Amino acid sequence: MSTSEQKKIFVTRRIPPEGQKLLSQADSYNVQQWDSDEQIPRDELIKGVVGAHGLLCLLTDNIDKEVLNAAGPNLKVVSTLSVGFDHLCVEEIKKRGIRVSNTPNVSTEATAELTVALLLTTCRRLPEAREEVKNGGWKTWSPMWLCGAGLSNSTVGIIGLGRIGLAVACRLVPFGVKRFIYTDFQEIPENAKEINAEYVSNEKIAEDSDFVIVNCCLTPETEGLCNKDFFRRMKKTAILINTSRGPVVNQEDLHDALTSGQIAAAGLDVTTPEPIPTDHPLLSLKNCVILPHIGSATLDARNAMSVLTVNNLLKGLAGEPMPCEVKL
């Protein structure tokens, strides 16, 4: 079959090697790809998607009405190399009958590990301690110098007790956490039973938790959930960790809470926008640890994500059930 007769797949970036290998074996398709590790420029995205039957994209790609219009009526499948799909214009996609897939499950363990690492890094003030060693601030041992919060006998509040939230909690059990509480769209008794967690309100999460861990999806209900009212309810010794989506936390309100001593510290793996500007006020705070959205950044997880993304795409284009289709 000639290239002109083959269905076109457009890929918006280089993907991890295992997925790239699988994609290279899709000989029955005309695969076109933005051959870079950097985000595709908007004009190249618009140009590249023209006539595509399948689109493989990343969470950095804004697949909106303009992109869908450029693609035209051939576009039948959008496969995103991410768990979240808030970068996709779902209403327009649904209207056009386009199938969508994502990559849940395969990054759960990696993201849970990173969440625990970020929690420990923040509560034990590791970045501050490292800087003191580097800049000569370490003079002698002092009883109260660089003291942080411990997990033993603490109350951990989890916003979103899905796959990742539960995986985080299970990893925290050996640290001696005394009590788990959680909030979600509804009770999840099967998950809660594993860690003996109590379902409570958002207000109760804020008031009772020593550590608040945000692992929920981004929806209209969760956007800005952690705001000034939420922070006012938190203990002054409490710590907020967000590894879900940046917009769940109101960053201006968080900055105010951190600088006023309303809460003790925060650790973020996600921000608004991404990347966060280097002059952002949060970056100047010692009690705020910010990472560059690396929750799923293990070699195994990223390779598994890429393989699943390609399989989703190829199955969808063949008119078959996709391993992880998003029900719109």
C-alpha atoms as a PDB file:
ATOM      1  CA  MET A   1       0.000   0.000   0.000  1.00  0.00           C
ATOM      2  CA  SER A   2       1.426   3.395  -0.948  1.00  0.00           C
ATOM      3  CA  THR A   3       1.981   6.097   1.645  1.00  0.00           C
ATOM      4  CA  SER A   4      -0.826   8.175   0.134  1.00  0.00           C
ATOM      5  CA  GLU A   5      -3.290   5.311   0.703  1.00  0.00           C
ATOM      6  CA  GLN A   6      -2.235   4.578   4.284  1.00  0.00           C
ATOM      7  CA  LYS A   7      -3.982   6.022   7.300  1.00  0.00           C
ATOM      8  CA  LYS A   8      -1.946   8.830   8.796  1.00  0.00           C
ATOM      9  CA  ILE A   9      -0.753   8.872  12.390  1.00  0.00           C
ATOM     10  CA  PHE A  10       0.704  12.067  13.768  1.00  0.00           C
ATOM     11  CA  VAL A  11       2.917  11.931  16.866  1.00  0.00           C
ATOM     12  CA  THR A  12       3.654  15.209  18.626  1.00  0.00           C
ATOM     13  CA  ARG A  13       7.048  14.283  20.106  1.00  0.00           C
ATOM     14  CA  ARG A  14       9.646  11.549  20.491  1.00  0.00           C
ATOM     15  CA  ILE A  15       8.323   9.011  22.966  1.00  0.00           C
ATOM     16  CA  PRO A  16      10.168   6.585  25.293  1.00  0.00           C
ATOM     17  CA  PRO A  17      12.098   3.858  23.439  1.00  0.00           C
ATOM     18  CA  GLU A  18       9.830   0.850  24.009  1.00  0.00           C
ATOM     19  CA  GLY A  19       6.840   2.720  22.614  1.00  0.00           C
ATOM     20  CA  GLN A  20       8.936   4.207  19.819  1.00  0.00           C
ATOM     21  CA  LYS A  21      10.027   0.702  18.822  1.00  0.00           C
ATOM     22  CA  LEU A  22       6.421  -0.493  18.698  1.00  0.00           C
ATOM     23  CA  LEU A  23       5.419   2.558  16.673  1.00  0.00           C
ATOM     24  CA  SER A  24       8.209   1.916  14.155  1.00  0.00           C
ATOM     25  CA  GLN A  25       6.720  -1.506  13.484  1.00  0.00           C
ATOM     26  CA  ALA A  26       3.347  -0.058  12.435  1.00  0.00           C
ATOM     27  CA  ASP A  27       4.160  -0.489   8.743  1.00  0.00           C
ATOM     28  CA  SER A  28       0.562  -0.314   7.590  1.00  0.00           C
ATOM     29  CA  TYR A  29       0.316   3.322   8.710  1.00  0.00           C
ATOM     30  CA  ASN A  30       1.888   6.535   7.487  1.00  0.00           C
ATOM     31  CA  VAL A  31       3.528   7.634  10.739  1.00  0.00           C
ATOM     32  CA  GLN A  32       4.640  11.254  10.886  1.00  0.00           C
ATOM     33  CA  GLN A  33       6.346  12.562  14.009  1.00  0.00           C
ATOM     34  CA  TRP A  34       7.706  15.778  15.470  1.00  0.00           C
ATOM     35  CA  ASP A  35      11.255  14.506  15.874  1.00  0.00           C
ATOM     36  CA  SER A  36      12.303  16.310  19.025  1.00  0.00           C
ATOM     37  CA  ASP A  37      12.403  15.894  22.782  1.00  0.00           C
ATOM     38  CA  GLU A  38      11.045  19.428  23.078  1.00  0.00           C
ATOM     39  CA  GLN A  39       7.387  20.438  22.943  1.00  0.00           C
ATOM     40  CA  ILE A  40       6.043  20.856  19.437  1.00  0.00           C
ATOM     41  CA  PRO A  41       5.408  24.499  18.475  1.00  0.00           C
ATOM     42  CA  ARG A  42       1.766  25.361  18.003  1.00  0.00           C
ATOM     43  CA  ASP A  43       2.079  26.068  14.281  1.00  0.00           C
ATOM     44  CA  GLU A  44       3.831  22.736  13.702  1.00  0.00           C
ATOM     45  CA  LEU A  45       1.098  20.937  15.620  1.00  0.00           C
ATOM     46  CA  ILE A  46      -1.582  22.561  13.477  1.00  0.00           C
ATOM     47  CA  LYS A  47       0.325  21.709  10.306  1.00  0.00           C
ATOM     48  CA  GLY A  48       1.232  18.170  11.319  1.00  0.00           C
ATOM     49  CA  VAL A  49      -2.234  17.051  12.357  1.00  0.00           C
ATOM     50  CA  VAL A  50      -3.849  17.867   8.986  1.00  0.00           C
ATOM     51  CA  GLY A  51      -5.514  14.768   7.571  1.00  0.00           C
ATOM     52  CA  ALA A  52      -4.478  12.543  10.486  1.00  0.00           C
ATOM     53  CA  HIS A  53      -6.589   9.521  11.347  1.00  0.00           C
ATOM     54  CA  GLY A  54      -4.821   9.025  14.669  1.00  0.00           C
ATOM     55  CA  LEU A  55      -3.109  11.480  17.001  1.00  0.00           C
ATOM     56  CA  LEU A  56      -0.604  10.528  19.696  1.00  0.00           C
ATOM     57  CA  CYS A  57      -0.082  13.478  22.007  1.00  0.00           C
ATOM     58  CA  LEU A  58       1.339  14.447  25.391  1.00  0.00           C
ATOM     59  CA  LEU A  59      -0.139  16.416  28.267  1.00  0.00           C
ATOM     60  CA  THR A  60       1.774  19.487  27.069  1.00  0.00           C
ATOM     61  CA  ASP A  61      -0.257  19.556  23.839  1.00  0.00           C
ATOM     62  CA  ASN A  62      -3.443  21.620  23.912  1.00  0.00           C
ATOM     63  CA  ILE A  63      -5.797  19.650  21.688  1.00  0.00           C
ATOM     64  CA  ASP A  64      -8.544  22.219  21.237  1.00  0.00           C
ATOM     65  CA  LYS A  65     -11.102  23.087  18.601  1.00  0.00           C
ATOM     66  CA  GLU A  66      -8.492  24.719  16.357  1.00  0.00           C
ATOM     67  CA  VAL A  67      -6.388  21.546  16.315  1.00  0.00           C
ATOM     68  CA  LEU A  68      -9.430  19.349  15.719  1.00  0.00           C
ATOM     69  CA  ASN A  69     -10.569  21.578  12.864  1.00  0.00           C
ATOM     70  CA  ALA A  70      -7.110  21.388  11.321  1.00  0.00           C
ATOM     71  CA  ALA A  71      -7.140  17.602  11.579  1.00  0.00           C
ATOM     72  CA  GLY A  72     -10.443  17.366   9.766  1.00  0.00           C
ATOM     73  CA  PRO A  73     -12.994  14.563   9.576  1.00  0.00           C
ATOM     74  CA  ASN A  74     -10.409  11.770   9.253  1.00  0.00           C
ATOM     75  CA  LEU A  75      -9.432  11.987  12.921  1.00  0.00           C
ATOM     76  CA  LYS A  76     -10.869   9.018  14.773  1.00  0.00           C
ATOM     77  CA  VAL A  77      -8.521   8.385  17.712  1.00  0.00           C
ATOM     78  CA  VAL A  78      -6.603  10.594  20.165  1.00  0.00           C
ATOM     79  CA  SER A  79      -4.201   8.641  22.370  1.00  0.00           C
ATOM     80  CA  THR A  80      -2.502  10.661  25.099  1.00  0.00           C
ATOM     81  CA  LEU A  81       0.678   9.617  26.859  1.00  0.00           C
ATOM     82  CA  SER A  82      -0.622  10.678  30.247  1.00  0.00           C
ATOM     83  CA  VAL A  83      -3.102   9.733  32.919  1.00  0.00           C
ATOM     84  CA  GLY A  84      -4.821  13.105  32.929  1.00  0.00           C
ATOM     85  CA  PHE A  85      -6.642  14.364  29.866  1.00  0.00           C
ATOM     86  CA  ASP A  86      -7.577  17.914  30.866  1.00  0.00           C
ATOM     87  CA  HIS A  87      -5.412  19.131  27.949  1.00  0.00           C
ATOM     88  CA  LEU A  88      -8.009  17.682  25.576  1.00  0.00           C
ATOM     89  CA  CYS A  89     -11.123  19.620  24.594  1.00  0.00           C
ATOM     90  CA  VAL A  90     -13.448  16.796  25.601  1.00  0.00           C
ATOM     91  CA  GLU A  91     -16.681  18.500  24.504  1.00  0.00           C
ATOM     92  CA  GLU A  92     -15.441  19.026  20.947  1.00  0.00           C
ATOM     93  CA  ILE A  93     -13.897  15.562  20.789  1.00  0.00           C
ATOM     94  CA  LYS A  94     -17.115  13.925  21.977  1.00  0.00           C
ATOM     95  CA  LYS A  95     -19.165  15.961  19.514  1.00  0.00           C
ATOM     96  CA  ARG A  96     -17.041  14.615  16.654  1.00  0.00           C
ATOM     97  CA  GLY A  97     -17.241  10.995  17.781  1.00  0.00           C
ATOM     98  CA  ILE A  98     -13.477  10.727  18.324  1.00  0.00           C
ATOM     99  CA  ARG A  99     -12.265   7.969  20.643  1.00  0.00           C
ATOM    100  CA  VAL A 100      -9.835   8.894  23.437  1.00  0.00           C
ATOM    101  CA  SER A 101      -7.415   6.798  25.468  1.00  0.00           C
ATOM    102  CA  ASN A 102      -4.977   7.461  28.310  1.00  0.00           C
ATOM    103  CA  THR A 103      -2.435   5.601  30.446  1.00  0.00           C
ATOM    104  CA  PRO A 104      -3.738   4.881  33.956  1.00  0.00           C
ATOM    105  CA  ASN A 105      -2.346   2.165  36.248  1.00  0.00           C
ATOM    106  CA  VAL A 106       1.136   1.872  34.714  1.00  0.00           C
ATOM    107  CA  SER A 107       2.440   4.993  36.503  1.00  0.00           C
ATOM    108  CA  THR A 108       0.698   4.408  39.839  1.00  0.00           C
ATOM    109  CA  GLU A 109       3.679   2.938  41.686  1.00  0.00           C
ATOM    110  CA  ALA A 110       6.140   5.513  40.385  1.00  0.00           C
ATOM    111  CA  THR A 111       3.874   8.429  41.279  1.00  0.00           C
ATOM    112  CA  ALA A 112       3.177   7.031  44.745  1.00  0.00           C
ATOM    113  CA  GLU A 113       6.913   6.641  45.393  1.00  0.00           C
ATOM    114  CA  LEU A 114       7.566  10.204  44.284  1.00  0.00           C
ATOM    115  CA  THR A 115       4.749  11.490  46.495  1.00  0.00           C
ATOM    116  CA  VAL A 116       6.270   9.837  49.556  1.00  0.00           C
ATOM    117  CA  ALA A 117       9.717  11.125  48.585  1.00  0.00           C
ATOM    118  CA  LEU A 118       8.372  14.668  48.227  1.00  0.00           C
ATOM    119  CA  LEU A 119       6.563  14.399  51.553  1.00  0.00           C
ATOM    120  CA  LEU A 120       9.713  13.283  53.369  1.00  0.00           C
ATOM    121  CA  THR A 121      11.844  15.862  51.580  1.00  0.00           C
ATOM    122  CA  THR A 122       9.469  18.642  52.595  1.00  0.00           C
ATOM    123  CA  CYS A 123       8.668  17.644  56.162  1.00  0.00           C
ATOM    124  CA  ARG A 124      12.296  16.916  57.059  1.00  0.00           C
ATOM    125  CA  ARG A 125      13.482  20.116  55.331  1.00  0.00           C
ATOM    126  CA  LEU A 126      16.080  18.337  53.222  1.00  0.00           C
ATOM    127  CA  PRO A 127      16.632  21.115  50.636  1.00  0.00           C
ATOM    128  CA  GLU A 128      17.310  23.600  53.448  1.00  0.00           C
ATOM    129  CA  ALA A 129      19.691  21.176  55.133  1.00  0.00           C
ATOM    130  CA  ARG A 130      21.600  20.571  51.918  1.00  0.00           C
ATOM    131  CA  GLU A 131      21.989  24.314  51.347  1.00  0.00           C
ATOM    132  CA  GLU A 132      23.329  24.803  54.881  1.00  0.00           C
ATOM    133  CA  VAL A 133      26.003  22.181  54.217  1.00  0.00           C
ATOM    134  CA  LYS A 134      26.953  23.859  50.926  1.00  0.00           C
ATOM    135  CA  ASN A 135      27.002  27.461  52.170  1.00  0.00           C
ATOM    136  CA  GLY A 136      28.810  26.879  55.444  1.00  0.00           C
ATOM    137  CA  GLY A 137      25.776  27.222  57.672  1.00  0.00           C
ATOM    138  CA  TRP A 138      26.563  23.909  59.379  1.00  0.00           C
ATOM    139  CA  LYS A 139      28.636  25.035  62.376  1.00  0.00           C
ATOM    140  CA  THR A 140      27.890  22.522  65.085  1.00  0.00           C
ATOM    141  CA  TRP A 141      25.126  20.244  66.333  1.00  0.00           C
ATOM    142  CA  SER A 142      22.201  22.164  67.779  1.00  0.00           C
ATOM    143  CA  PRO A 143      19.093  20.651  69.436  1.00  0.00           C
ATOM    144  CA  MET A 144      16.443  22.580  67.479  1.00  0.00           C
ATOM    145  CA  TRP A 145      18.291  23.425  64.266  1.00  0.00           C
ATOM    146  CA  LEU A 146      16.466  22.279  61.096  1.00  0.00           C
ATOM    147  CA  CYS A 147      13.891  20.293  63.047  1.00  0.00           C
ATOM    148  CA  GLY A 148      11.001  19.152  60.902  1.00  0.00           C
ATOM    149  CA  ALA A 149       7.824  17.121  61.240  1.00  0.00           C
ATOM    150  CA  GLY A 150       7.722  13.353  61.623  1.00  0.00           C
ATOM    151  CA  LEU A 151       5.164  10.876  60.316  1.00  0.00           C
ATOM    152  CA  SER A 152       4.960   8.711  63.425  1.00  0.00           C
ATOM    153  CA  ASN A 153       1.596   9.085  65.238  1.00  0.00           C
ATOM    154  CA  SER A 154       0.418  11.617  62.664  1.00  0.00           C
ATOM    155  CA  THR A 155      -2.896  12.065  60.882  1.00  0.00           C
ATOM    156  CA  VAL A 156      -2.649  11.968  57.094  1.00  0.00           C
ATOM    157  CA  GLY A 157      -5.491  13.388  55.020  1.00  0.00           C
ATOM    158  CA  ILE A 158      -5.751  12.233  51.422  1.00  0.00           C
ATOM    159  CA  ILE A 159      -7.758  14.148  48.848  1.00  0.00           C
ATOM    160  CA  GLY A 160      -8.594  11.478  46.295  1.00  0.00           C
ATOM    161  CA  LEU A 161      -8.292   7.868  47.466  1.00  0.00           C
ATOM    162  CA  GLY A 162      -8.073   6.313  44.016  1.00  0.00           C
ATOM    163  CA  ARG A 163      -5.237   4.131  42.730  1.00  0.00           C
ATOM    164  CA  ILE A 164      -2.472   6.603  43.504  1.00  0.00           C
ATOM    165  CA  GLY A 165      -3.941   7.876  46.770  1.00  0.00           C
ATOM    166  CA  LEU A 166      -4.244   4.335  48.076  1.00  0.00           C
ATOM    167  CA  ALA A 167      -0.751   3.422  46.885  1.00  0.00           C
ATOM    168  CA  VAL A 168       0.647   6.454  48.731  1.00  0.00           C
ATOM    169  CA  ALA A 169      -1.198   5.546  51.934  1.00  0.00           C
ATOM    170  CA  CYS A 170      -0.003   1.930  51.822  1.00  0.00           C
ATOM    171  CA  ARG A 171       3.582   3.170  51.607  1.00  0.00           C
ATOM    172  CA  LEU A 172       3.052   5.439  54.606  1.00  0.00           C
ATOM    173  CA  VAL A 173       1.702   2.723  56.911  1.00  0.00           C
ATOM    174  CA  PRO A 174       5.204   1.465  57.901  1.00  0.00           C
ATOM    175  CA  PHE A 175       6.119   5.007  58.968  1.00  0.00           C
ATOM    176  CA  GLY A 176       3.724   4.718  61.886  1.00  0.00           C
ATOM    177  CA  VAL A 177       0.913   6.970  60.708  1.00  0.00           C
ATOM    178  CA  LYS A 178      -1.753   6.844  63.405  1.00  0.00           C
ATOM    179  CA  ARG A 179      -4.819   7.812  61.379  1.00  0.00           C
ATOM    180  CA  PHE A 180      -5.823   8.093  57.722  1.00  0.00           C
ATOM    181  CA  ILE A 181      -8.756  10.230  56.634  1.00  0.00           C
ATOM    182  CA  TYR A 182      -9.838  10.897  53.084  1.00  0.00           C
ATOM    183  CA  THR A 183     -12.260  12.761  50.886  1.00  0.00           C
ATOM    184  CA  ASP A 184     -13.410  11.990  47.356  1.00  0.00           C
ATOM    185  CA  PHE A 185     -16.458  12.411  45.125  1.00  0.00           C
ATOM    186  CA  GLN A 186     -17.980   9.552  47.085  1.00  0.00           C
ATOM    187  CA  GLU A 187     -16.919   6.954  49.625  1.00  0.00           C
ATOM    188  CA  ILE A 188     -14.570   4.229  48.372  1.00  0.00           C
ATOM    189  CA  PRO A 189     -15.022   1.548  51.044  1.00  0.00           C
ATOM    190  CA  GLU A 190     -12.878  -1.105  49.361  1.00  0.00           C
ATOM    191  CA  ASN A 191      -9.859   1.241  49.269  1.00  0.00           C
ATOM    192  CA  ALA A 192     -10.525   2.733  52.690  1.00  0.00           C
ATOM    193  CA  LYS A 193     -10.667  -0.723  54.267  1.00  0.00           C
ATOM    194  CA  GLU A 194      -7.070  -1.470  53.238  1.00  0.00           C
ATOM    195  CA  ILE A 195      -5.713   1.364  55.375  1.00  0.00           C
ATOM    196  CA  ASN A 196      -8.589   1.726  57.840  1.00  0.00           C
ATOM    197  CA  ALA A 197      -9.318   5.207  56.523  1.00  0.00           C
ATOM    198  CA  GLU A 198     -12.295   7.335  57.512  1.00  0.00           C
ATOM    199  CA  TYR A 199     -14.348   9.243  54.932  1.00  0.00           C
ATOM    200  CA  VAL A 200     -14.698  12.896  55.971  1.00  0.00           C
ATOM    201  CA  SER A 201     -15.487  16.314  54.512  1.00  0.00           C
ATOM    202  CA  ASN A 202     -12.941  18.631  52.883  1.00  0.00           C
ATOM    203  CA  GLU A 203     -13.211  20.856  55.960  1.00  0.00           C
ATOM    204  CA  LYS A 204     -12.367  17.952  58.256  1.00  0.00           C
ATOM    205  CA  ILE A 205      -9.373  17.013  56.097  1.00  0.00           C
ATOM    206  CA  ALA A 206      -8.028  20.533  56.532  1.00  0.00           C
ATOM    207  CA  GLU A 207      -8.727  20.749  60.255  1.00  0.00           C
ATOM    208  CA  ASP A 208      -7.489  17.349  61.397  1.00  0.00           C
ATOM    209  CA  SER A 209      -4.549  16.518  59.125  1.00  0.00           C
ATOM    210  CA  ASP A 210      -0.895  16.903  59.958  1.00  0.00           C
ATOM    211  CA  PHE A 211      -0.191  16.157  56.308  1.00  0.00           C
ATOM    212  CA  VAL A 212      -2.610  16.819  53.439  1.00  0.00           C
ATOM    213  CA  ILE A 213      -1.819  14.855  50.292  1.00  0.00           C
ATOM    214  CA  VAL A 214      -3.596  15.842  47.081  1.00  0.00           C
ATOM    215  CA  ASN A 215      -4.088  12.971  44.621  1.00  0.00           C
ATOM    216  CA  CYS A 216      -7.427  13.835  43.019  1.00  0.00           C
ATOM    217  CA  CYS A 217      -8.398  14.409  39.397  1.00  0.00           C
ATOM    218  CA  LEU A 218      -8.760  17.939  38.062  1.00  0.00           C
ATOM    219  CA  THR A 219     -12.457  18.690  37.629  1.00  0.00           C
ATOM    220  CA  PRO A 220     -14.588  21.820  37.995  1.00  0.00           C
ATOM    221  CA  GLU A 221     -15.264  20.652  41.565  1.00  0.00           C
ATOM    222  CA  THR A 222     -11.601  20.237  42.515  1.00  0.00           C
ATOM    223  CA  GLU A 223     -10.148  23.269  40.718  1.00  0.00           C
ATOM    224  CA  GLY A 224      -8.982  25.705  43.397  1.00  0.00           C
ATOM    225  CA  LEU A 225     -10.067  23.312  46.141  1.00  0.00           C
ATOM    226  CA  CYS A 226      -7.017  24.143  48.245  1.00  0.00           C
ATOM    227  CA  ASN A 227      -7.548  27.870  48.682  1.00  0.00           C
ATOM    228  CA  LYS A 228      -7.359  30.469  51.433  1.00  0.00           C
ATOM    229  CA  ASP A 229     -10.421  29.072  53.212  1.00  0.00           C
ATOM    230  CA  PHE A 230      -8.904  25.591  53.154  1.00  0.00           C
ATOM    231  CA  PHE A 231      -5.530  26.853  54.412  1.00  0.00           C
ATOM    232  CA  ARG A 232      -7.198  28.837  57.221  1.00  0.00           C
ATOM    233  CA  ARG A 233      -8.610  25.596  58.576  1.00  0.00           C
ATOM    234  CA  MET A 234      -5.259  23.776  58.512  1.00  0.00           C
ATOM    235  CA  LYS A 235      -2.980  23.450  61.517  1.00  0.00           C
ATOM    236  CA  LYS A 236      -0.073  25.869  61.624  1.00  0.00           C
ATOM    237  CA  THR A 237       2.214  22.827  61.762  1.00  0.00           C
ATOM    238  CA  ALA A 238       0.539  21.113  58.790  1.00  0.00           C
ATOM    239  CA  ILE A 239       2.150  20.362  55.430  1.00  0.00           C
ATOM    240  CA  LEU A 240       0.489  20.234  51.999  1.00  0.00           C
ATOM    241  CA  ILE A 241       1.708  17.900  49.229  1.00  0.00           C
ATOM    242  CA  ASN A 242       0.298  18.068  45.683  1.00  0.00           C
ATOM    243  CA  THR A 243       1.173  15.489  43.030  1.00  0.00           C
ATOM    244  CA  SER A 244      -2.148  15.630  41.170  1.00  0.00           C
ATOM    245  CA  ARG A 245      -2.723  18.713  39.011  1.00  0.00           C
ATOM    246  CA  GLY A 246      -1.515  22.262  39.582  1.00  0.00           C
ATOM    247  CA  PRO A 247      -4.887  24.047  39.412  1.00  0.00           C
ATOM    248  CA  VAL A 248      -6.237  22.074  42.391  1.00  0.00           C
ATOM    249  CA  VAL A 249      -4.141  24.425  44.542  1.00  0.00           C
ATOM    250  CA  ASN A 250      -4.591  28.192  44.428  1.00  0.00           C
ATOM    251  CA  GLN A 251      -0.919  29.206  44.350  1.00  0.00           C
ATOM    252  CA  GLU A 252      -1.460  32.816  45.414  1.00  0.00           C
ATOM    253  CA  ASP A 253      -3.368  31.658  48.470  1.00  0.00           C
ATOM    254  CA  LEU A 254      -0.703  29.035  49.133  1.00  0.00           C
ATOM    255  CA  HIS A 255       2.034  31.678  49.018  1.00  0.00           C
ATOM    256  CA  ASP A 256       0.116  33.794  51.518  1.00  0.00           C
ATOM    257  CA  ALA A 257      -0.402  30.795  53.802  1.00  0.00           C
ATOM    258  CA  LEU A 258       3.284  29.875  53.704  1.00  0.00           C
ATOM    259  CA  THR A 259       4.633  33.381  54.258  1.00  0.00           C
ATOM    260  CA  SER A 260       2.182  34.198  57.065  1.00  0.00           C
ATOM    261  CA  GLY A 261       2.850  30.973  58.952  1.00  0.00           C
ATOM    262  CA  GLN A 262      -0.701  29.787  58.418  1.00  0.00           C
ATOM    263  CA  ILE A 263       0.724  26.389  57.401  1.00  0.00           C
ATOM    264  CA  ALA A 264       4.227  25.052  57.886  1.00  0.00           C
ATOM    265  CA  ALA A 265       5.311  23.937  54.417  1.00  0.00           C
ATOM    266  CA  ALA A 266       4.281  22.644  50.999  1.00  0.00           C
ATOM    267  CA  GLY A 267       5.689  20.265  48.415  1.00  0.00           C
ATOM    268  CA  LEU A 268       4.505  20.467  44.800  1.00  0.00           C
ATOM    269  CA  ASP A 269       5.258  18.253  41.822  1.00  0.00           C
ATOM    270  CA  VAL A 270       2.688  20.118  39.741  1.00  0.00           C
ATOM    271  CA  THR A 271       2.175  23.842  39.246  1.00  0.00           C
ATOM    272  CA  THR A 272       0.235  26.434  37.281  1.00  0.00           C
ATOM    273  CA  PRO A 273       1.610  27.057  34.739  1.00  0.00           C
ATOM    274  CA  GLU A 274       4.121  24.371  33.885  1.00  0.00           C
ATOM    275  CA  PRO A 275       6.959  25.104  33.849  1.00  0.00           C
ATOM    276  CA  ILE A 276       6.542  27.565  36.679  1.00  0.00           C
ATOM    277  CA  PRO A 277       8.313  30.894  35.928  1.00  0.00           C
ATOM    278  CA  THR A 278      11.742  31.113  37.555  1.00  0.00           C
ATOM    279  CA  ASP A 279      10.757  34.378  39.248  1.00  0.00           C
ATOM    280  CA  HIS A 280       7.586  32.961  40.785  1.00  0.00           C
ATOM    281  CA  PRO A 281       7.277  33.982  44.466  1.00  0.00           C
ATOM    282  CA  LEU A 282       6.861  30.378  45.631  1.00  0.00           C
ATOM    283  CA  LEU A 283      10.376  29.557  44.445  1.00  0.00           C
ATOM    284  CA  SER A 284      11.860  32.067  46.886  1.00  0.00           C
ATOM    285  CA  LEU A 285      10.402  30.305  49.923  1.00  0.00           C
ATOM    286  CA  LYS A 286      12.462  27.899  52.010  1.00  0.00           C
ATOM    287  CA  ASN A 287       9.344  26.100  53.155  1.00  0.00           C
ATOM    288  CA  CYS A 288       8.137  25.250  49.638  1.00  0.00           C
ATOM    289  CA  VAL A 289       9.691  22.413  47.637  1.00  0.00           C
ATOM    290  CA  ILE A 290       8.807  22.384  43.934  1.00  0.00           C
ATOM    291  CA  LEU A 291       9.650  19.590  41.492  1.00  0.00           C
ATOM    292  CA  PRO A 292       9.214  19.639  37.673  1.00  0.00           C
ATOM    293  CA  HIS A 293       6.277  17.199  37.335  1.00  0.00           C
ATOM    294  CA  ILE A 294       8.341  14.022  37.623  1.00  0.00           C
ATOM    295  CA  GLY A 295       5.775  11.818  39.373  1.00  0.00           C
ATOM    296  CA  SER A 296       5.917   9.067  36.753  1.00  0.00           C
ATOM    297  CA  ALA A 297       9.577   9.595  35.873  1.00  0.00           C
ATOM    298  CA  THR A 298      11.012   6.124  36.224  1.00  0.00           C
ATOM    299  CA  LEU A 299      12.373   4.305  33.189  1.00  0.00           C
ATOM    300  CA  ASP A 300       9.973   1.403  33.644  1.00  0.00           C
ATOM    301  CA  ALA A 301       6.919   3.596  34.104  1.00  0.00           C
ATOM    302  CA  ARG A 302       7.599   5.882  31.155  1.00  0.00           C
ATOM    303  CA  ASN A 303       8.342   2.963  28.838  1.00  0.00           C
ATOM    304  CA  ALA A 304       5.158   1.212  29.957  1.00  0.00           C
ATOM    305  CA  MET A 305       3.196   4.402  29.375  1.00  0.00           C
ATOM    306  CA  SER A 306       4.565   4.747  25.862  1.00  0.00           C
ATOM    307  CA  VAL A 307       3.772   1.131  24.940  1.00  0.00           C
ATOM    308  CA  LEU A 308       0.237   1.481  26.277  1.00  0.00           C
ATOM    309  CA  THR A 309      -0.255   4.736  24.371  1.00  0.00           C
ATOM    310  CA  VAL A 310       0.777   3.151  21.081  1.00  0.00           C
ATOM    311  CA  ASN A 311      -1.319   0.044  21.694  1.00  0.00           C
ATOM    312  CA  ASN A 312      -4.323   2.214  22.504  1.00  0.00           C
ATOM    313  CA  LEU A 313      -3.829   4.121  19.270  1.00  0.00           C
ATOM    314  CA  LEU A 314      -3.386   1.091  17.017  1.00  0.00           C
ATOM    315  CA  LYS A 315      -6.318  -0.786  18.527  1.00  0.00           C
ATOM    316  CA  GLY A 316      -8.527   2.261  18.163  1.00  0.00           C
ATOM    317  CA  LEU A 317      -7.587   2.775  14.530  1.00  0.00           C
ATOM    318  CA  ALA A 318      -8.340  -0.888  13.860  1.00  0.00           C
ATOM    319  CA  GLY A 319     -11.806  -0.413  15.317  1.00  0.00           C
ATOM    320  CA  GLU A 320     -11.035  -2.722  18.231  1.00  0.00           C
ATOM    321  CA  PRO A 321     -11.400  -2.204  21.997  1.00  0.00           C
ATOM    322  CA  MET A 322      -8.608  -0.020  23.351  1.00  0.00           C
ATOM    323  CA  PRO A 323      -6.821  -1.218  26.513  1.00  0.00           C
ATOM    324  CA  CYS A 324      -7.576   2.070  28.275  1.00  0.00           C
ATOM    325  CA  GLU A 325     -10.330   3.953  26.507  1.00  0.00           C
ATOM    326  CA  VAL A 326     -11.706   7.039  28.237  1.00  0.00           C
ATOM    327  CA  LYS A 327     -15.481   6.949  28.376  1.00  0.00           C
ATOM    328  CA  LEU A 328     -16.520  10.452  27.380  1.00  0.00           C
END
